Amino acid sequence: MSNLPNCPKCNSEYTYEDRDLFVCPECAYEWNQESEDENNENQKIVKDANGNILNDGDTITVIKDLKIKGSSSVVKIGTKVKNIRLVDGDHDIDCKIDGFGAMKLKSEFVKKL
């Protein structure tokens, strides 16, 4: 058994090594293992309140009433937020909430749908 990784594009197990690249014979995808490892290390993994991994473009739900700083408004529990974007910082979700506009949220107060 070889310890070659599965294809990241089609998940084929029939990959082979060609010099410093890995090649998938099924989808013809070529990749460099070193650059993939560096990308995985540099990417910050953001998880919701239940431990699910969040990605750009996901749809989430607010699990707690959130007071908006500088306003008397509140984002209610169960508010659905579509097409999120992950950013660096304390508030790691950038989104647009209907009726409130652009906003940043903490991932600990949301769950993935």
C-alpha atoms as a PDB file:
ATOM      1  CA  MET A   1       0.000   0.000   0.000  1.00  0.00           C
ATOM      2  CA  SER A   2       1.293   3.445  -0.864  1.00  0.00           C
ATOM      3  CA  ASN A   3       0.834   6.445   1.371  1.00  0.00           C
ATOM      4  CA  LEU A   4      -0.092   8.823  -1.445  1.00  0.00           C
ATOM      5  CA  PRO A   5      -2.912  11.272  -0.673  1.00  0.00           C
ATOM      6  CA  ASN A   6      -6.280  11.120  -2.391  1.00  0.00           C
ATOM      7  CA  CYS A   7      -6.985  13.717  -5.055  1.00  0.00           C
ATOM      8  CA  PRO A   8      -8.225  16.954  -3.408  1.00  0.00           C
ATOM      9  CA  LYS A   9     -10.479  17.672  -6.380  1.00  0.00           C
ATOM     10  CA  CYS A  10     -12.291  14.368  -7.023  1.00  0.00           C
ATOM     11  CA  ASN A  11     -11.088  12.294  -4.017  1.00  0.00           C
ATOM     12  CA  SER A  12      -9.728   9.553  -6.268  1.00  0.00           C
ATOM     13  CA  GLU A  13      -7.426   7.039  -4.588  1.00  0.00           C
ATOM     14  CA  TYR A  14      -5.490   6.321  -7.798  1.00  0.00           C
ATOM     15  CA  THR A  15      -3.023   9.212  -7.543  1.00  0.00           C
ATOM     16  CA  TYR A  16       0.614   8.853  -8.510  1.00  0.00           C
ATOM     17  CA  GLU A  17       3.789  10.832  -8.062  1.00  0.00           C
ATOM     18  CA  ASP A  18       5.519  12.584 -10.971  1.00  0.00           C
ATOM     19  CA  ARG A  19       8.748  14.227  -9.764  1.00  0.00           C
ATOM     20  CA  ASP A  20       7.595  16.751  -7.140  1.00  0.00           C
ATOM     21  CA  LEU A  21       3.911  16.728  -8.144  1.00  0.00           C
ATOM     22  CA  PHE A  22       1.021  14.412  -7.415  1.00  0.00           C
ATOM     23  CA  VAL A  23      -1.244  13.594 -10.364  1.00  0.00           C
ATOM     24  CA  CYS A  24      -4.781  12.253 -10.517  1.00  0.00           C
ATOM     25  CA  PRO A  25      -5.377  10.060 -13.585  1.00  0.00           C
ATOM     26  CA  GLU A  26      -9.159  10.378 -13.329  1.00  0.00           C
ATOM     27  CA  CYS A  27      -9.569  14.183 -13.397  1.00  0.00           C
ATOM     28  CA  ALA A  28      -6.006  15.152 -14.536  1.00  0.00           C
ATOM     29  CA  TYR A  29      -5.530  17.434 -11.531  1.00  0.00           C
ATOM     30  CA  GLU A  30      -1.919  18.095 -10.480  1.00  0.00           C
ATOM     31  CA  TRP A  31      -0.850  19.500  -7.129  1.00  0.00           C
ATOM     32  CA  ASN A  32       2.190  19.983  -4.951  1.00  0.00           C
ATOM     33  CA  GLN A  33       1.914  18.456  -1.480  1.00  0.00           C
ATOM     34  CA  GLU A  34       4.183  21.079   0.114  1.00  0.00           C
ATOM     35  CA  SER A  35       2.096  24.029  -1.049  1.00  0.00           C
ATOM     36  CA  GLU A  36      -1.096  22.283   0.067  1.00  0.00           C
ATOM     37  CA  ASP A  37       0.355  21.722   3.562  1.00  0.00           C
ATOM     38  CA  GLU A  38       1.344  25.406   3.786  1.00  0.00           C
ATOM     39  CA  ASN A  39      -2.148  26.521   2.716  1.00  0.00           C
ATOM     40  CA  ASN A  40      -3.763  24.290   5.342  1.00  0.00           C
ATOM     41  CA  GLU A  41      -1.482  25.655   8.067  1.00  0.00           C
ATOM     42  CA  ASN A  42      -2.130  29.290   7.117  1.00  0.00           C
ATOM     43  CA  GLN A  43      -5.910  28.942   6.982  1.00  0.00           C
ATOM     44  CA  LYS A  44      -7.723  29.652  10.216  1.00  0.00           C
ATOM     45  CA  ILE A  45     -10.488  27.163  10.946  1.00  0.00           C
ATOM     46  CA  VAL A  46     -13.668  28.852  12.184  1.00  0.00           C
ATOM     47  CA  LYS A  47     -16.265  26.721  13.978  1.00  0.00           C
ATOM     48  CA  ASP A  48     -19.806  27.537  15.030  1.00  0.00           C
ATOM     49  CA  ALA A  49     -21.311  26.983  18.488  1.00  0.00           C
ATOM     50  CA  ASN A  50     -21.871  23.273  17.724  1.00  0.00           C
ATOM     51  CA  GLY A  51     -18.345  22.673  16.405  1.00  0.00           C
ATOM     52  CA  ASN A  52     -19.237  22.609  12.700  1.00  0.00           C
ATOM     53  CA  ILE A  53     -16.628  24.141  10.401  1.00  0.00           C
ATOM     54  CA  LEU A  54     -17.804  27.335   8.705  1.00  0.00           C
ATOM     55  CA  ASN A  55     -16.845  28.315   5.144  1.00  0.00           C
ATOM     56  CA  ASP A  56     -17.344  31.409   3.010  1.00  0.00           C
ATOM     57  CA  GLY A  57     -20.855  31.495   1.524  1.00  0.00           C
ATOM     58  CA  ASP A  58     -22.500  29.380   4.248  1.00  0.00           C
ATOM     59  CA  THR A  59     -25.901  30.150   5.735  1.00  0.00           C
ATOM     60  CA  ILE A  60     -26.068  30.494   9.517  1.00  0.00           C
ATOM     61  CA  THR A  61     -28.623  31.166  12.251  1.00  0.00           C
ATOM     62  CA  VAL A  62     -28.130  33.382  15.302  1.00  0.00           C
ATOM     63  CA  ILE A  63     -28.539  31.345  18.516  1.00  0.00           C
ATOM     64  CA  LYS A  64     -28.697  34.225  21.003  1.00  0.00           C
ATOM     65  CA  ASP A  65     -30.244  37.713  21.065  1.00  0.00           C
ATOM     66  CA  LEU A  66     -27.405  40.074  20.154  1.00  0.00           C
ATOM     67  CA  LYS A  67     -27.460  43.728  21.166  1.00  0.00           C
ATOM     68  CA  ILE A  68     -26.086  46.064  18.524  1.00  0.00           C
ATOM     69  CA  LYS A  69     -23.434  48.365  19.912  1.00  0.00           C
ATOM     70  CA  GLY A  70     -24.450  52.043  19.707  1.00  0.00           C
ATOM     71  CA  SER A  71     -28.085  51.238  19.006  1.00  0.00           C
ATOM     72  CA  SER A  72     -31.172  50.087  20.864  1.00  0.00           C
ATOM     73  CA  SER A  73     -31.799  47.392  18.226  1.00  0.00           C
ATOM     74  CA  VAL A  74     -31.381  43.673  18.836  1.00  0.00           C
ATOM     75  CA  VAL A  75     -30.670  40.855  16.382  1.00  0.00           C
ATOM     76  CA  LYS A  76     -33.181  38.238  17.507  1.00  0.00           C
ATOM     77  CA  ILE A  77     -32.518  34.560  18.082  1.00  0.00           C
ATOM     78  CA  GLY A  78     -33.243  32.506  14.965  1.00  0.00           C
ATOM     79  CA  THR A  79     -32.272  35.267  12.513  1.00  0.00           C
ATOM     80  CA  LYS A  80     -31.053  33.619   9.303  1.00  0.00           C
ATOM     81  CA  VAL A  81     -27.914  35.072   7.705  1.00  0.00           C
ATOM     82  CA  LYS A  82     -26.972  34.050   4.158  1.00  0.00           C
ATOM     83  CA  ASN A  83     -23.671  34.219   2.296  1.00  0.00           C
ATOM     84  CA  ILE A  84     -21.252  34.860   5.174  1.00  0.00           C
ATOM     85  CA  ARG A  85     -17.601  35.778   4.730  1.00  0.00           C
ATOM     86  CA  LEU A  86     -14.882  34.705   7.160  1.00  0.00           C
ATOM     87  CA  VAL A  87     -12.383  37.349   8.289  1.00  0.00           C
ATOM     88  CA  ASP A  88      -9.531  37.578  10.798  1.00  0.00           C
ATOM     89  CA  GLY A  89     -10.111  39.193  14.156  1.00  0.00           C
ATOM     90  CA  ASP A  90     -12.245  38.860  17.258  1.00  0.00           C
ATOM     91  CA  HIS A  91     -15.475  39.043  15.241  1.00  0.00           C
ATOM     92  CA  ASP A  92     -14.666  36.440  12.603  1.00  0.00           C
ATOM     93  CA  ILE A  93     -17.842  36.542  10.458  1.00  0.00           C
ATOM     94  CA  ASP A  94     -18.618  39.423   8.111  1.00  0.00           C
ATOM     95  CA  CYS A  95     -22.194  39.455   6.830  1.00  0.00           C
ATOM     96  CA  LYS A  96     -25.193  41.491   5.807  1.00  0.00           C
ATOM     97  CA  ILE A  97     -28.345  41.068   7.915  1.00  0.00           C
ATOM     98  CA  ASP A  98     -31.686  42.133   6.435  1.00  0.00           C
ATOM     99  CA  GLY A  99     -33.006  45.174   8.282  1.00  0.00           C
ATOM    100  CA  PHE A 100     -29.655  45.889   9.967  1.00  0.00           C
ATOM    101  CA  GLY A 101     -27.078  46.092   7.171  1.00  0.00           C
ATOM    102  CA  ALA A 102     -23.416  45.095   7.250  1.00  0.00           C
ATOM    103  CA  MET A 103     -22.297  43.551  10.503  1.00  0.00           C
ATOM    104  CA  LYS A 104     -19.574  41.434  12.089  1.00  0.00           C
ATOM    105  CA  LEU A 105     -20.464  38.480  14.299  1.00  0.00           C
ATOM    106  CA  LYS A 106     -18.599  36.096  16.556  1.00  0.00           C
ATOM    107  CA  SER A 107     -18.791  32.475  15.488  1.00  0.00           C
ATOM    108  CA  GLU A 108     -19.661  31.339  19.016  1.00  0.00           C
ATOM    109  CA  PHE A 109     -23.129  32.921  18.693  1.00  0.00           C
ATOM    110  CA  VAL A 110     -24.186  31.226  15.445  1.00  0.00           C
ATOM    111  CA  LYS A 111     -24.914  27.755  14.125  1.00  0.00           C
ATOM    112  CA  LYS A 112     -24.576  26.432  10.583  1.00  0.00           C
ATOM    113  CA  LEU A 113     -27.694  25.441   8.677  1.00  0.00           C
END
